PDB file of N, CA and C in Angstrom:
ATOM      1  N   MET A   1      49.487 -16.765 -62.282  1.00  0.00           N
ATOM      2  CA  MET A   1      48.625 -17.454 -61.334  1.00  0.00           C
ATOM      3  C   MET A   1      47.155 -17.319 -61.721  1.00  0.00           C
ATOM      4  N   ALA A   2      46.745 -16.103 -62.164  1.00  0.00           N
ATOM      5  CA  ALA A   2      45.348 -15.886 -62.528  1.00  0.00           C
ATOM      6  C   ALA A   2      44.965 -16.699 -63.749  1.00  0.00           C
ATOM      7  N   MET A   3      45.878 -16.818 -64.718  1.00  0.00           N
ATOM      8  CA  MET A   3      45.587 -17.590 -65.926  1.00  0.00           C
ATOM      9  C   MET A   3      45.452 -19.070 -65.606  1.00  0.00           C
ATOM     10  N   VAL A   4      46.248 -19.551 -64.661  1.00  0.00           N
ATOM     11  CA  VAL A   4      46.159 -20.953 -64.263  1.00  0.00           C
ATOM     12  C   VAL A   4      44.810 -21.212 -63.604  1.00  0.00           C
ATOM     13  N   ALA A   5      44.372 -20.280 -62.732  1.00  0.00           N
ATOM     14  CA  ALA A   5      43.085 -20.443 -62.056  1.00  0.00           C
ATOM     15  C   ALA A   5      41.932 -20.391 -63.052  1.00  0.00           C
ATOM     16  N   PHE A   6      42.049 -19.523 -64.061  1.00  0.00           N
ATOM     17  CA  PHE A   6      41.017 -19.432 -65.085  1.00  0.00           C
ATOM     18  C   PHE A   6      40.965 -20.714 -65.911  1.00  0.00           C
ATOM     19  N   GLY A   7      42.106 -21.264 -66.235  1.00  0.00           N
ATOM     20  CA  GLY A   7      42.156 -22.512 -67.000  1.00  0.00           C
ATOM     21  C   GLY A   7      41.546 -23.668 -66.220  1.00  0.00           C
ATOM     22  N   VAL A   8      41.824 -23.736 -64.927  1.00  0.00           N
ATOM     23  CA  VAL A   8      41.244 -24.786 -64.087  1.00  0.00           C
ATOM     24  C   VAL A   8      39.736 -24.603 -63.989  1.00  0.00           C
ATOM     25  N   ALA A   9      39.292 -23.348 -63.807  1.00  0.00           N
ATOM     26  CA  ALA A   9      37.863 -23.081 -63.706  1.00  0.00           C
ATOM     27  C   ALA A   9      37.151 -23.411 -65.012  1.00  0.00           C
ATOM     28  N   LYS A  10      37.809 -23.135 -66.139  1.00  0.00           N
ATOM     29  CA  LYS A  10      37.213 -23.437 -67.430  1.00  0.00           C
ATOM     30  C   LYS A  10      37.111 -24.948 -67.627  1.00  0.00           C
ATOM     31  N   ARG A  11      38.131 -25.666 -67.216  1.00  0.00           N
ATOM     32  CA  ARG A  11      38.083 -27.117 -67.341  1.00  0.00           C
ATOM     33  C   ARG A  11      37.020 -27.723 -66.441  1.00  0.00           C
ATOM     34  N   LEU A  12      36.769 -27.117 -65.304  1.00  0.00           N
ATOM     35  CA  LEU A  12      35.752 -27.619 -64.387  1.00  0.00           C
ATOM     36  C   LEU A  12      34.361 -27.054 -64.708  1.00  0.00           C
ATOM     37  N   ARG A  13      34.254 -26.262 -65.764  1.00  0.00           N
ATOM     38  CA  ARG A  13      32.997 -25.659 -66.230  1.00  0.00           C
ATOM     39  C   ARG A  13      32.399 -24.691 -65.215  1.00  0.00           C
ATOM     40  N   LEU A  14      33.269 -23.971 -64.493  1.00  0.00           N
ATOM     41  CA  LEU A  14      32.800 -22.979 -63.546  1.00  0.00           C
ATOM     42  C   LEU A  14      32.586 -21.630 -64.214  1.00  0.00           C
ATOM     43  N   VAL A  15      33.167 -21.440 -65.401  1.00  0.00           N
ATOM     44  CA  VAL A  15      33.010 -20.196 -66.140  1.00  0.00           C
ATOM     45  C   VAL A  15      32.118 -20.499 -67.332  1.00  0.00           C
ATOM     46  N   ALA A  16      31.015 -19.766 -67.461  1.00  0.00           N
ATOM     47  CA  ALA A  16      30.065 -20.024 -68.546  1.00  0.00           C
ATOM     48  C   ALA A  16      30.626 -19.528 -69.868  1.00  0.00           C
ATOM     49  N   PRO A  17      30.585 -20.334 -70.892  1.00  0.00           N
ATOM     50  CA  PRO A  17      31.041 -19.879 -72.209  1.00  0.00           C
ATOM     51  C   PRO A  17      29.987 -18.977 -72.840  1.00  0.00           C
ATOM     52  N   ALA A  18      30.203 -17.670 -72.812  1.00  0.00           N
ATOM     53  CA  ALA A  18      29.206 -16.700 -73.253  1.00  0.00           C
ATOM     54  C   ALA A  18      28.998 -16.731 -74.755  1.00  0.00           C
ATOM     55  N   VAL A  19      30.044 -16.944 -75.521  1.00  0.00           N
ATOM     56  CA  VAL A  19      29.935 -16.872 -76.973  1.00  0.00           C
ATOM     57  C   VAL A  19      29.192 -18.072 -77.524  1.00  0.00           C
ATOM     58  N   SER A  20      29.460 -19.248 -77.038  1.00  0.00           N
ATOM     59  CA  SER A  20      28.838 -20.437 -77.604  1.00  0.00           C
ATOM     60  C   SER A  20      27.343 -20.502 -77.282  1.00  0.00           C
ATOM     61  N   LEU A  21      26.914 -19.968 -76.146  1.00  0.00           N
ATOM     62  CA  LEU A  21      25.500 -19.993 -75.791  1.00  0.00           C
ATOM     63  C   LEU A  21      24.692 -18.919 -76.503  1.00  0.00           C
ATOM     64  N   ALA A  22      25.344 -17.891 -76.992  1.00  0.00           N
ATOM     65  CA  ALA A  22      24.630 -16.785 -77.604  1.00  0.00           C
ATOM     66  C   ALA A  22      24.012 -17.174 -78.942  1.00  0.00           C
ATOM     67  N   PHE A  23      24.572 -18.148 -79.634  1.00  0.00           N
ATOM     68  CA  PHE A  23      24.102 -18.493 -80.965  1.00  0.00           C
ATOM     69  C   PHE A  23      23.365 -19.819 -81.022  1.00  0.00           C
ATOM     70  N   THR A  24      23.039 -20.400 -79.892  1.00  0.00           N
ATOM     71  CA  THR A  24      22.296 -21.657 -79.897  1.00  0.00           C
ATOM     72  C   THR A  24      20.807 -21.371 -79.947  1.00  0.00           C
ATOM     73  N   ARG A  25      20.046 -22.300 -80.489  1.00  0.00           N
ATOM     74  CA  ARG A  25      18.593 -22.158 -80.565  1.00  0.00           C
ATOM     75  C   ARG A  25      17.953 -23.048 -79.513  1.00  0.00           C
ATOM     76  N   SER A  26      16.933 -22.546 -78.912  1.00  0.00           N
ATOM     77  CA  SER A  26      16.204 -23.332 -77.924  1.00  0.00           C
ATOM     78  C   SER A  26      15.335 -24.350 -78.638  1.00  0.00           C
ATOM     79  N   ALA A  27      15.098 -25.481 -78.020  1.00  0.00           N
ATOM     80  CA  ALA A  27      14.236 -26.505 -78.600  1.00  0.00           C
ATOM     81  C   ALA A  27      12.788 -26.040 -78.645  1.00  0.00           C
ATOM     82  N   PHE A  28      12.438 -25.071 -77.838  1.00  0.00           N
ATOM     83  CA  PHE A  28      11.059 -24.611 -77.777  1.00  0.00           C
ATOM     84  C   PHE A  28      10.712 -23.651 -78.910  1.00  0.00           C
ATOM     85  N   VAL A  29      11.692 -23.037 -79.540  1.00  0.00           N
ATOM     86  CA  VAL A  29      11.416 -22.100 -80.628  1.00  0.00           C
ATOM     87  C   VAL A  29      12.018 -22.568 -81.953  1.00  0.00           C
ATOM     88  N   ALA A  30      12.516 -23.795 -82.002  1.00  0.00           N
ATOM     89  CA  ALA A  30      13.137 -24.281 -83.221  1.00  0.00           C
ATOM     90  C   ALA A  30      12.104 -24.546 -84.312  1.00  0.00           C
ATOM     91  N   LYS A  31      10.853 -24.813 -83.938  1.00  0.00           N
ATOM     92  CA  LYS A  31       9.811 -25.090 -84.910  1.00  0.00           C
ATOM     93  C   LYS A  31       9.081 -23.800 -85.265  1.00  0.00           C
ATOM     94  N   LYS A  32       8.760 -23.604 -86.538  1.00  0.00           N
ATOM     95  CA  LYS A  32       8.036 -22.404 -86.944  1.00  0.00           C
ATOM     96  C   LYS A  32       6.601 -22.479 -86.456  1.00  0.00           C
ATOM     97  N   ARG A  33       6.053 -21.331 -86.056  1.00  0.00           N
ATOM     98  CA  ARG A  33       4.675 -21.268 -85.575  1.00  0.00           C
ATOM     99  C   ARG A  33       3.720 -21.367 -86.752  1.00  0.00           C
ATOM    100  N   ASN A  34       2.629 -22.065 -86.566  1.00  0.00           N
ATOM    101  CA  ASN A  34       1.590 -22.176 -87.584  1.00  0.00           C
ATOM    102  C   ASN A  34       0.452 -21.251 -87.179  1.00  0.00           C
ATOM    103  N   TYR A  35       0.363 -20.111 -87.849  1.00  0.00           N
ATOM    104  CA  TYR A  35      -0.657 -19.127 -87.504  1.00  0.00           C
ATOM    105  C   TYR A  35      -1.999 -19.424 -88.161  1.00  0.00           C
ATOM    106  N   ASP A  36      -2.061 -20.445 -89.006  1.00  0.00           N
ATOM    107  CA  ASP A  36      -3.330 -20.830 -89.630  1.00  0.00           C
ATOM    108  C   ASP A  36      -4.235 -21.559 -88.642  1.00  0.00           C
ATOM    109  N   GLN A  37      -3.651 -22.224 -87.663  1.00  0.00           N
ATOM    110  CA  GLN A  37      -4.419 -22.959 -86.654  1.00  0.00           C
ATOM    111  C   GLN A  37      -4.026 -22.450 -85.271  1.00  0.00           C
ATOM    112  N   PRO A  38      -4.783 -21.482 -84.725  1.00  0.00           N
ATOM    113  CA  PRO A  38      -4.431 -20.945 -83.401  1.00  0.00           C
ATOM    114  C   PRO A  38      -4.562 -22.015 -82.316  1.00  0.00           C
ATOM    115  N   ASN A  39      -3.844 -21.797 -81.259  1.00  0.00           N
ATOM    116  CA  ASN A  39      -3.894 -22.690 -80.107  1.00  0.00           C
ATOM    117  C   ASN A  39      -5.106 -22.296 -79.263  1.00  0.00           C
ATOM    118  N   TRP A  40      -6.266 -22.861 -79.572  1.00  0.00           N
ATOM    119  CA  TRP A  40      -7.505 -22.465 -78.912  1.00  0.00           C
ATOM    120  C   TRP A  40      -7.506 -22.842 -77.437  1.00  0.00           C
ATOM    121  N   PHE A  41      -6.841 -23.913 -77.080  1.00  0.00           N
ATOM    122  CA  PHE A  41      -6.747 -24.277 -75.668  1.00  0.00           C
ATOM    123  C   PHE A  41      -5.998 -23.210 -74.892  1.00  0.00           C
ATOM    124  N   GLY A  42      -4.895 -22.731 -75.444  1.00  0.00           N
ATOM    125  CA  GLY A  42      -4.130 -21.678 -74.783  1.00  0.00           C
ATOM    126  C   GLY A  42      -4.900 -20.374 -74.698  1.00  0.00           C
ATOM    127  N   VAL A  43      -5.642 -20.046 -75.769  1.00  0.00           N
ATOM    128  CA  VAL A  43      -6.458 -18.828 -75.768  1.00  0.00           C
ATOM    129  C   VAL A  43      -7.544 -18.931 -74.703  1.00  0.00           C
ATOM    130  N   ALA A  44      -8.237 -20.060 -74.657  1.00  0.00           N
ATOM    131  CA  ALA A  44      -9.293 -20.254 -73.659  1.00  0.00           C
ATOM    132  C   ALA A  44      -8.726 -20.238 -72.245  1.00  0.00           C
ATOM    133  N   LEU A  45      -7.569 -20.834 -72.070  1.00  0.00           N
ATOM    134  CA  LEU A  45      -6.943 -20.856 -70.743  1.00  0.00           C
ATOM    135  C   LEU A  45      -6.564 -19.447 -70.305  1.00  0.00           C
ATOM    136  N   ALA A  46      -6.036 -18.644 -71.223  1.00  0.00           N
ATOM    137  CA  ALA A  46      -5.648 -17.275 -70.881  1.00  0.00           C
ATOM    138  C   ALA A  46      -6.861 -16.421 -70.539  1.00  0.00           C
ATOM    139  N   PHE A  47      -7.898 -16.468 -71.385  1.00  0.00           N
ATOM    140  CA  PHE A  47      -9.086 -15.667 -71.112  1.00  0.00           C
ATOM    141  C   PHE A  47      -9.851 -16.171 -69.892  1.00  0.00           C
ATOM    142  N   GLY A  48      -9.900 -17.476 -69.701  1.00  0.00           N
ATOM    143  CA  GLY A  48     -10.580 -18.035 -68.532  1.00  0.00           C
ATOM    144  C   GLY A  48      -9.885 -17.654 -67.240  1.00  0.00           C
ATOM    145  N   THR A  49      -8.561 -17.700 -67.242  1.00  0.00           N
ATOM    146  CA  THR A  49      -7.794 -17.298 -66.064  1.00  0.00           C
ATOM    147  C   THR A  49      -7.998 -15.823 -65.767  1.00  0.00           C
ATOM    148  N   SER A  50      -7.985 -15.011 -66.819  1.00  0.00           N
ATOM    149  CA  SER A  50      -8.193 -13.576 -66.638  1.00  0.00           C
ATOM    150  C   SER A  50      -9.587 -13.300 -66.071  1.00  0.00           C
ATOM    151  N   ALA A  51     -10.607 -13.958 -66.611  1.00  0.00           N
ATOM    152  CA  ALA A  51     -11.975 -13.759 -66.122  1.00  0.00           C
ATOM    153  C   ALA A  51     -12.110 -14.213 -64.674  1.00  0.00           C
ATOM    154  N   ALA A  52     -11.487 -15.328 -64.329  1.00  0.00           N
ATOM    155  CA  ALA A  52     -11.560 -15.819 -62.945  1.00  0.00           C
ATOM    156  C   ALA A  52     -10.873 -14.857 -61.984  1.00  0.00           C
ATOM    157  N   LEU A  53      -9.736 -14.309 -62.391  1.00  0.00           N
ATOM    158  CA  LEU A  53      -9.041 -13.350 -61.526  1.00  0.00           C
ATOM    159  C   LEU A  53      -9.845 -12.070 -61.349  1.00  0.00           C
ATOM    160  N   TRP A  54     -10.473 -11.584 -62.424  1.00  0.00           N
ATOM    161  CA  TRP A  54     -11.303 -10.383 -62.298  1.00  0.00           C
ATOM    162  C   TRP A  54     -12.514 -10.644 -61.411  1.00  0.00           C
ATOM    163  N   ALA A  55     -13.149 -11.821 -61.550  1.00  0.00           N
ATOM    164  CA  ALA A  55     -14.291 -12.159 -60.693  1.00  0.00           C
ATOM    165  C   ALA A  55     -13.856 -12.201 -59.226  1.00  0.00           C
ATOM    166  N   PHE A  56     -12.712 -12.799 -58.959  1.00  0.00           N
ATOM    167  CA  PHE A  56     -12.193 -12.838 -57.596  1.00  0.00           C
ATOM    168  C   PHE A  56     -11.910 -11.435 -57.084  1.00  0.00           C
ATOM    169  N   LEU A  57     -11.353 -10.579 -57.940  1.00  0.00           N
ATOM    170  CA  LEU A  57     -11.041  -9.206 -57.553  1.00  0.00           C
ATOM    171  C   LEU A  57     -12.307  -8.441 -57.173  1.00  0.00           C
ATOM    172  N   PHE A  58     -13.361  -8.546 -58.001  1.00  0.00           N
ATOM    173  CA  PHE A  58     -14.611  -7.850 -57.696  1.00  0.00           C
ATOM    174  C   PHE A  58     -15.262  -8.392 -56.421  1.00  0.00           C
ATOM    175  N   ARG A  59     -15.242  -9.705 -56.255  1.00  0.00           N
ATOM    176  CA  ARG A  59     -15.822 -10.307 -55.050  1.00  0.00           C
ATOM    177  C   ARG A  59     -15.056  -9.865 -53.800  1.00  0.00           C
ATOM    178  N   GLN A  60     -13.743  -9.853 -53.894  1.00  0.00           N
ATOM    179  CA  GLN A  60     -12.922  -9.427 -52.759  1.00  0.00           C
ATOM    180  C   GLN A  60     -13.169  -7.954 -52.444  1.00  0.00           C
ATOM    181  N   HIS A  61     -13.335  -7.134 -53.469  1.00  0.00           N
ATOM    182  CA  HIS A  61     -13.609  -5.715 -53.260  1.00  0.00           C
ATOM    183  C   HIS A  61     -14.940  -5.523 -52.541  1.00  0.00           C
ATOM    184  N   GLU A  62     -15.954  -6.257 -52.966  1.00  0.00           N
ATOM    185  CA  GLU A  62     -17.260  -6.163 -52.302  1.00  0.00           C
ATOM    186  C   GLU A  62     -17.167  -6.586 -50.840  1.00  0.00           C
ATOM    187  N   ASP A  63     -16.425  -7.656 -50.567  1.00  0.00           N
ATOM    188  CA  ASP A  63     -16.230  -8.092 -49.183  1.00  0.00           C
ATOM    189  C   ASP A  63     -15.508  -7.022 -48.366  1.00  0.00           C
ATOM    190  N   ASP A  64     -14.500  -6.399 -48.964  1.00  0.00           N
ATOM    191  CA  ASP A  64     -13.751  -5.359 -48.261  1.00  0.00           C
ATOM    192  C   ASP A  64     -14.625  -4.134 -47.977  1.00  0.00           C
ATOM    193  N   VAL A  65     -15.484  -3.758 -48.940  1.00  0.00           N
ATOM    194  CA  VAL A  65     -16.370  -2.614 -48.731  1.00  0.00           C
ATOM    195  C   VAL A  65     -17.380  -2.919 -47.632  1.00  0.00           C
ATOM    196  N   MET A  66     -17.936  -4.133 -47.626  1.00  0.00           N
ATOM    197  CA  MET A  66     -18.890  -4.509 -46.573  1.00  0.00           C
ATOM    198  C   MET A  66     -18.218  -4.497 -45.195  1.00  0.00           C
ATOM    199  N   GLU A  67     -16.987  -4.996 -45.114  1.00  0.00           N
ATOM    200  CA  GLU A  67     -16.267  -4.994 -43.842  1.00  0.00           C
ATOM    201  C   GLU A  67     -15.965  -3.570 -43.392  1.00  0.00           C
ATOM    202  N   TYR A  68     -15.621  -2.696 -44.334  1.00  0.00           N
ATOM    203  CA  TYR A  68     -15.367  -1.300 -44.009  1.00  0.00           C
ATOM    204  C   TYR A  68     -16.626  -0.637 -43.469  1.00  0.00           C
ATOM    205  N   GLU A  69     -17.755  -0.875 -44.144  1.00  0.00           N
ATOM    206  CA  GLU A  69     -19.019  -0.285 -43.680  1.00  0.00           C
ATOM    207  C   GLU A  69     -19.407  -0.825 -42.305  1.00  0.00           C
ATOM    208  N   ARG A  70     -19.185  -2.122 -42.056  1.00  0.00           N
ATOM    209  CA  ARG A  70     -19.507  -2.709 -40.754  1.00  0.00           C
ATOM    210  C   ARG A  70     -18.654  -2.088 -39.654  1.00  0.00           C
ATOM    211  N   ARG A  71     -17.363  -1.946 -39.894  1.00  0.00           N
ATOM    212  CA  ARG A  71     -16.490  -1.361 -38.882  1.00  0.00           C
ATOM    213  C   ARG A  71     -16.788   0.116 -38.653  1.00  0.00           C
ATOM    214  N   LYS A  72     -17.160   0.823 -39.738  1.00  0.00           N
ATOM    215  CA  LYS A  72     -17.494   2.237 -39.596  1.00  0.00           C
ATOM    216  C   LYS A  72     -18.766   2.394 -38.765  1.00  0.00           C
ATOM    217  N   ALA A  73     -19.782   1.547 -38.999  1.00  0.00           N
ATOM    218  CA  ALA A  73     -21.014   1.601 -38.217  1.00  0.00           C
ATOM    219  C   ALA A  73     -20.747   1.208 -36.769  1.00  0.00           C
ATOM    220  N   GLU A  74     -19.886   0.237 -36.559  1.00  0.00           N
ATOM    221  CA  GLU A  74     -19.562  -0.206 -35.199  1.00  0.00           C
ATOM    222  C   GLU A  74     -18.819   0.885 -34.435  1.00  0.00           C
ATOM    223  N   ARG A  75     -17.990   1.650 -35.107  1.00  0.00           N
ATOM    224  CA  ARG A  75     -17.218   2.703 -34.482  1.00  0.00           C
ATOM    225  C   ARG A  75     -18.121   3.849 -34.025  1.00  0.00           C
ATOM    226  N   HIS A  76     -19.210   4.109 -34.746  1.00  0.00           N
ATOM    227  CA  HIS A  76     -20.110   5.213 -34.419  1.00  0.00           C
ATOM    228  C   HIS A  76     -21.310   4.768 -33.584  1.00  0.00           C
ATOM    229  N   HIS A  77     -21.314   3.533 -33.134  1.00  0.00           N
ATOM    230  CA  HIS A  77     -22.419   3.008 -32.343  1.00  0.00           C
ATOM    231  C   HIS A  77     -22.301   3.517 -30.901  1.00  0.00           C
ATOM    232  N   LYS A  78     -23.290   4.275 -30.432  1.00  0.00           N
ATOM    233  CA  LYS A  78     -23.235   4.878 -29.088  1.00  0.00           C
ATOM    234  C   LYS A  78     -24.442   4.455 -28.252  1.00  0.00           C
ATOM    235  N   CYS A  79     -24.719   3.183 -28.242  1.00  0.00           N
ATOM    236  CA  CYS A  79     -25.876   2.681 -27.506  1.00  0.00           C
ATOM    237  C   CYS A  79     -25.496   2.450 -26.030  1.00  0.00           C
ATOM    238  N   MET A  80     -26.317   2.890 -25.124  1.00  0.00           N
ATOM    239  CA  MET A  80     -26.034   2.696 -23.700  1.00  0.00           C
ATOM    240  C   MET A  80     -26.434   1.295 -23.226  1.00  0.00           C
ATOM    241  N   GLY A  81     -27.386   0.665 -23.937  1.00  0.00           N
ATOM    242  CA  GLY A  81     -27.832  -0.671 -23.545  1.00  0.00           C
ATOM    243  C   GLY A  81     -26.804  -1.749 -23.832  1.00  0.00           C
ATOM    244  N   CYS A  82     -25.879  -1.523 -24.757  1.00  0.00           N
ATOM    245  CA  CYS A  82     -24.886  -2.524 -25.130  1.00  0.00           C
ATOM    246  C   CYS A  82     -23.747  -2.613 -24.127  1.00  0.00           C
ATOM    247  N   SER A  83     -23.453  -1.557 -23.413  1.00  0.00           N
ATOM    248  CA  SER A  83     -22.283  -1.522 -22.535  1.00  0.00           C
ATOM    249  C   SER A  83     -22.527  -2.241 -21.242  1.00  0.00           C
TER     250      SER A  83
END
């Protein structure tokens, strides 16, 4: 019974053929890389993205520190005229 179910599943392509997929080449890596001409667009995109993320990180940190200082000052505010 189990062999019949396996045969039906194989015919319906429910079981992945592990051996045949292991030796296939992807279309994305079938061409050899040319290291004489770097992909400058990709390099610029990677460094630009990294720089933008770091700038955002520093700006967010400064905002968080200012908010922390504001809340800390507000917590220690003991003015009688405000109440």
